[in-house]
Amino acid sequence: MKMNLRVTYGDGSGADVTVSAPDIVAFEETFDRSAAKFDREVKFTDICWLAWHRLTRSGLTEDFKTWMNNVEGVEIAEVADPVPLERKAHTSP
């Protein structure tokens, strides 16, 4: 499971992040909630936390509350269709 998020800061700058397995597992461990339920119930705080966690893993931020004080918005970014493979993936040893 991957999710592309776009963070916009109050000063007009922004960051695009791709949330992946380490972020989702950390979310589930922190909040004791399954990310599989995002299609039925997802809070804005959940999306912000996932973006923050991804940025923290990259060493770009540290404290969630301080970071949130600078955030104007976080939105789920559209994902382009994957480029088809030109040849079959190698699967034998």
C-alpha atoms as a PDB file:
ATOM      1  CA  MET A   1       0.000   0.000   0.000  1.00  0.00           C
ATOM      2  CA  LYS A   2       1.352   3.394  -0.996  1.00  0.00           C
ATOM      3  CA  MET A   3      -0.204   6.835  -0.785  1.00  0.00           C
ATOM      4  CA  ASN A   4       0.995  10.040  -2.400  1.00  0.00           C
ATOM      5  CA  LEU A   5       0.434  13.139  -0.287  1.00  0.00           C
ATOM      6  CA  ARG A   6       0.988  16.813  -1.007  1.00  0.00           C
ATOM      7  CA  VAL A   7       1.860  19.036   1.965  1.00  0.00           C
ATOM      8  CA  THR A   8       1.400  22.799   1.663  1.00  0.00           C
ATOM      9  CA  TYR A   9       2.993  25.110   4.229  1.00  0.00           C
ATOM     10  CA  GLY A  10       1.802  28.526   5.336  1.00  0.00           C
ATOM     11  CA  ASP A  11       4.713  30.224   3.558  1.00  0.00           C
ATOM     12  CA  GLY A  12       3.587  28.786   0.206  1.00  0.00           C
ATOM     13  CA  SER A  13       6.235  26.079  -0.012  1.00  0.00           C
ATOM     14  CA  GLY A  14       5.326  22.426  -0.154  1.00  0.00           C
ATOM     15  CA  ALA A  15       6.449  18.840  -0.261  1.00  0.00           C
ATOM     16  CA  ASP A  16       5.226  15.761  -2.099  1.00  0.00           C
ATOM     17  CA  VAL A  17       5.710  12.539  -0.165  1.00  0.00           C
ATOM     18  CA  THR A  18       4.976   8.892  -0.823  1.00  0.00           C
ATOM     19  CA  VAL A  19       3.798   7.100   2.283  1.00  0.00           C
ATOM     20  CA  SER A  20       4.763   3.430   2.252  1.00  0.00           C
ATOM     21  CA  ALA A  21       4.845   0.313   4.427  1.00  0.00           C
ATOM     22  CA  PRO A  22       7.073   1.675   7.264  1.00  0.00           C
ATOM     23  CA  ASP A  23       4.785   4.684   7.700  1.00  0.00           C
ATOM     24  CA  ILE A  24       1.599   2.638   7.619  1.00  0.00           C
ATOM     25  CA  VAL A  25       2.926   0.079  10.110  1.00  0.00           C
ATOM     26  CA  ALA A  26       4.035   2.905  12.419  1.00  0.00           C
ATOM     27  CA  PHE A  27       0.541   4.412  12.137  1.00  0.00           C
ATOM     28  CA  GLU A  28      -1.128   1.125  13.060  1.00  0.00           C
ATOM     29  CA  GLU A  29       1.246   0.574  15.979  1.00  0.00           C
ATOM     30  CA  THR A  30       0.837   4.133  17.271  1.00  0.00           C
ATOM     31  CA  PHE A  31      -2.942   4.396  16.991  1.00  0.00           C
ATOM     32  CA  ASP A  32      -3.928   0.707  17.253  1.00  0.00           C
ATOM     33  CA  ARG A  33      -6.073   1.127  14.126  1.00  0.00           C
ATOM     34  CA  SER A  34      -5.923  -0.684  10.812  1.00  0.00           C
ATOM     35  CA  ALA A  35      -5.017   1.326   7.736  1.00  0.00           C
ATOM     36  CA  ALA A  36      -7.155  -1.158   5.792  1.00  0.00           C
ATOM     37  CA  LYS A  37     -10.183   0.753   7.108  1.00  0.00           C
ATOM     38  CA  PHE A  38      -9.117   4.023   5.443  1.00  0.00           C
ATOM     39  CA  ASP A  39     -11.693   3.462   2.696  1.00  0.00           C
ATOM     40  CA  ARG A  40     -14.465   3.669   5.330  1.00  0.00           C
ATOM     41  CA  GLU A  41     -13.048   6.138   7.836  1.00  0.00           C
ATOM     42  CA  VAL A  42      -9.975   8.301   7.586  1.00  0.00           C
ATOM     43  CA  LYS A  43      -9.434  11.424   9.639  1.00  0.00           C
ATOM     44  CA  PHE A  44      -7.550  14.478   8.457  1.00  0.00           C
ATOM     45  CA  THR A  45      -5.227  13.944  11.426  1.00  0.00           C
ATOM     46  CA  ASP A  46      -4.412  10.468  10.057  1.00  0.00           C
ATOM     47  CA  ILE A  47      -3.325  11.898   6.708  1.00  0.00           C
ATOM     48  CA  CYS A  48      -1.273  14.627   8.401  1.00  0.00           C
ATOM     49  CA  TRP A  49       0.394  12.117  10.713  1.00  0.00           C
ATOM     50  CA  LEU A  50       1.341   9.861   7.793  1.00  0.00           C
ATOM     51  CA  ALA A  51       2.870  12.797   5.877  1.00  0.00           C
ATOM     52  CA  TRP A  52       4.724  13.924   9.006  1.00  0.00           C
ATOM     53  CA  HIS A  53       6.029  10.419   9.678  1.00  0.00           C
ATOM     54  CA  ARG A  54       7.349  10.115   6.119  1.00  0.00           C
ATOM     55  CA  LEU A  55       9.095  13.488   6.381  1.00  0.00           C
ATOM     56  CA  THR A  56      10.529  12.495   9.769  1.00  0.00           C
ATOM     57  CA  ARG A  57      11.959   9.276   8.290  1.00  0.00           C
ATOM     58  CA  SER A  58      13.679  11.471   5.706  1.00  0.00           C
ATOM     59  CA  GLY A  59      15.143  13.678   8.452  1.00  0.00           C
ATOM     60  CA  LEU A  60      13.139  16.728   7.344  1.00  0.00           C
ATOM     61  CA  THR A  61      11.130  17.334  10.528  1.00  0.00           C
ATOM     62  CA  GLU A  62      11.015  16.173  14.119  1.00  0.00           C
ATOM     63  CA  ASP A  63       8.083  17.210  16.336  1.00  0.00           C
ATOM     64  CA  PHE A  64       4.522  16.652  15.040  1.00  0.00           C
ATOM     65  CA  LYS A  65       2.880  19.605  16.826  1.00  0.00           C
ATOM     66  CA  THR A  66       5.576  22.074  15.760  1.00  0.00           C
ATOM     67  CA  TRP A  67       5.380  20.784  12.186  1.00  0.00           C
ATOM     68  CA  MET A  68       1.560  21.058  12.176  1.00  0.00           C
ATOM     69  CA  ASN A  69       1.778  24.713  13.235  1.00  0.00           C
ATOM     70  CA  ASN A  70       3.434  25.410   9.865  1.00  0.00           C
ATOM     71  CA  VAL A  71       1.100  23.287   7.719  1.00  0.00           C
ATOM     72  CA  GLU A  72      -1.588  24.957   5.635  1.00  0.00           C
ATOM     73  CA  GLY A  73      -2.956  21.696   4.240  1.00  0.00           C
ATOM     74  CA  VAL A  74      -2.325  18.073   3.324  1.00  0.00           C
ATOM     75  CA  GLU A  75      -4.134  16.350   0.503  1.00  0.00           C
ATOM     76  CA  ILE A  76      -4.053  13.017  -1.228  1.00  0.00           C
ATOM     77  CA  ALA A  77      -2.291  13.576  -4.537  1.00  0.00           C
ATOM     78  CA  GLU A  78      -3.361  11.873  -7.735  1.00  0.00           C
ATOM     79  CA  VAL A  79      -1.267   8.965  -8.844  1.00  0.00           C
ATOM     80  CA  ALA A  80      -0.373   8.600 -12.500  1.00  0.00           C
ATOM     81  CA  ASP A  81      -1.142   5.280 -14.148  1.00  0.00           C
ATOM     82  CA  PRO A  82       1.853   2.961 -13.933  1.00  0.00           C
ATOM     83  CA  VAL A  83       3.954   2.603 -17.042  1.00  0.00           C
ATOM     84  CA  PRO A  84       3.504  -0.902 -18.477  1.00  0.00           C
ATOM     85  CA  LEU A  85       6.526  -3.177 -18.410  1.00  0.00           C
ATOM     86  CA  GLU A  86       8.190  -3.615 -21.778  1.00  0.00           C
ATOM     87  CA  ARG A  87       9.084  -7.189 -20.975  1.00  0.00           C
ATOM     88  CA  LYS A  88       8.148  -9.873 -18.504  1.00  0.00           C
ATOM     89  CA  ALA A  89       9.684  -9.516 -15.035  1.00  0.00           C
ATOM     90  CA  HIS A  90      12.486 -11.947 -14.216  1.00  0.00           C
ATOM     91  CA  THR A  91      11.186 -14.461 -11.674  1.00  0.00           C
ATOM     92  CA  SER A  92      13.553 -17.454 -11.786  1.00  0.00           C
ATOM     93  CA  PRO A  93      16.714 -17.714  -9.639  1.00  0.00           C
END
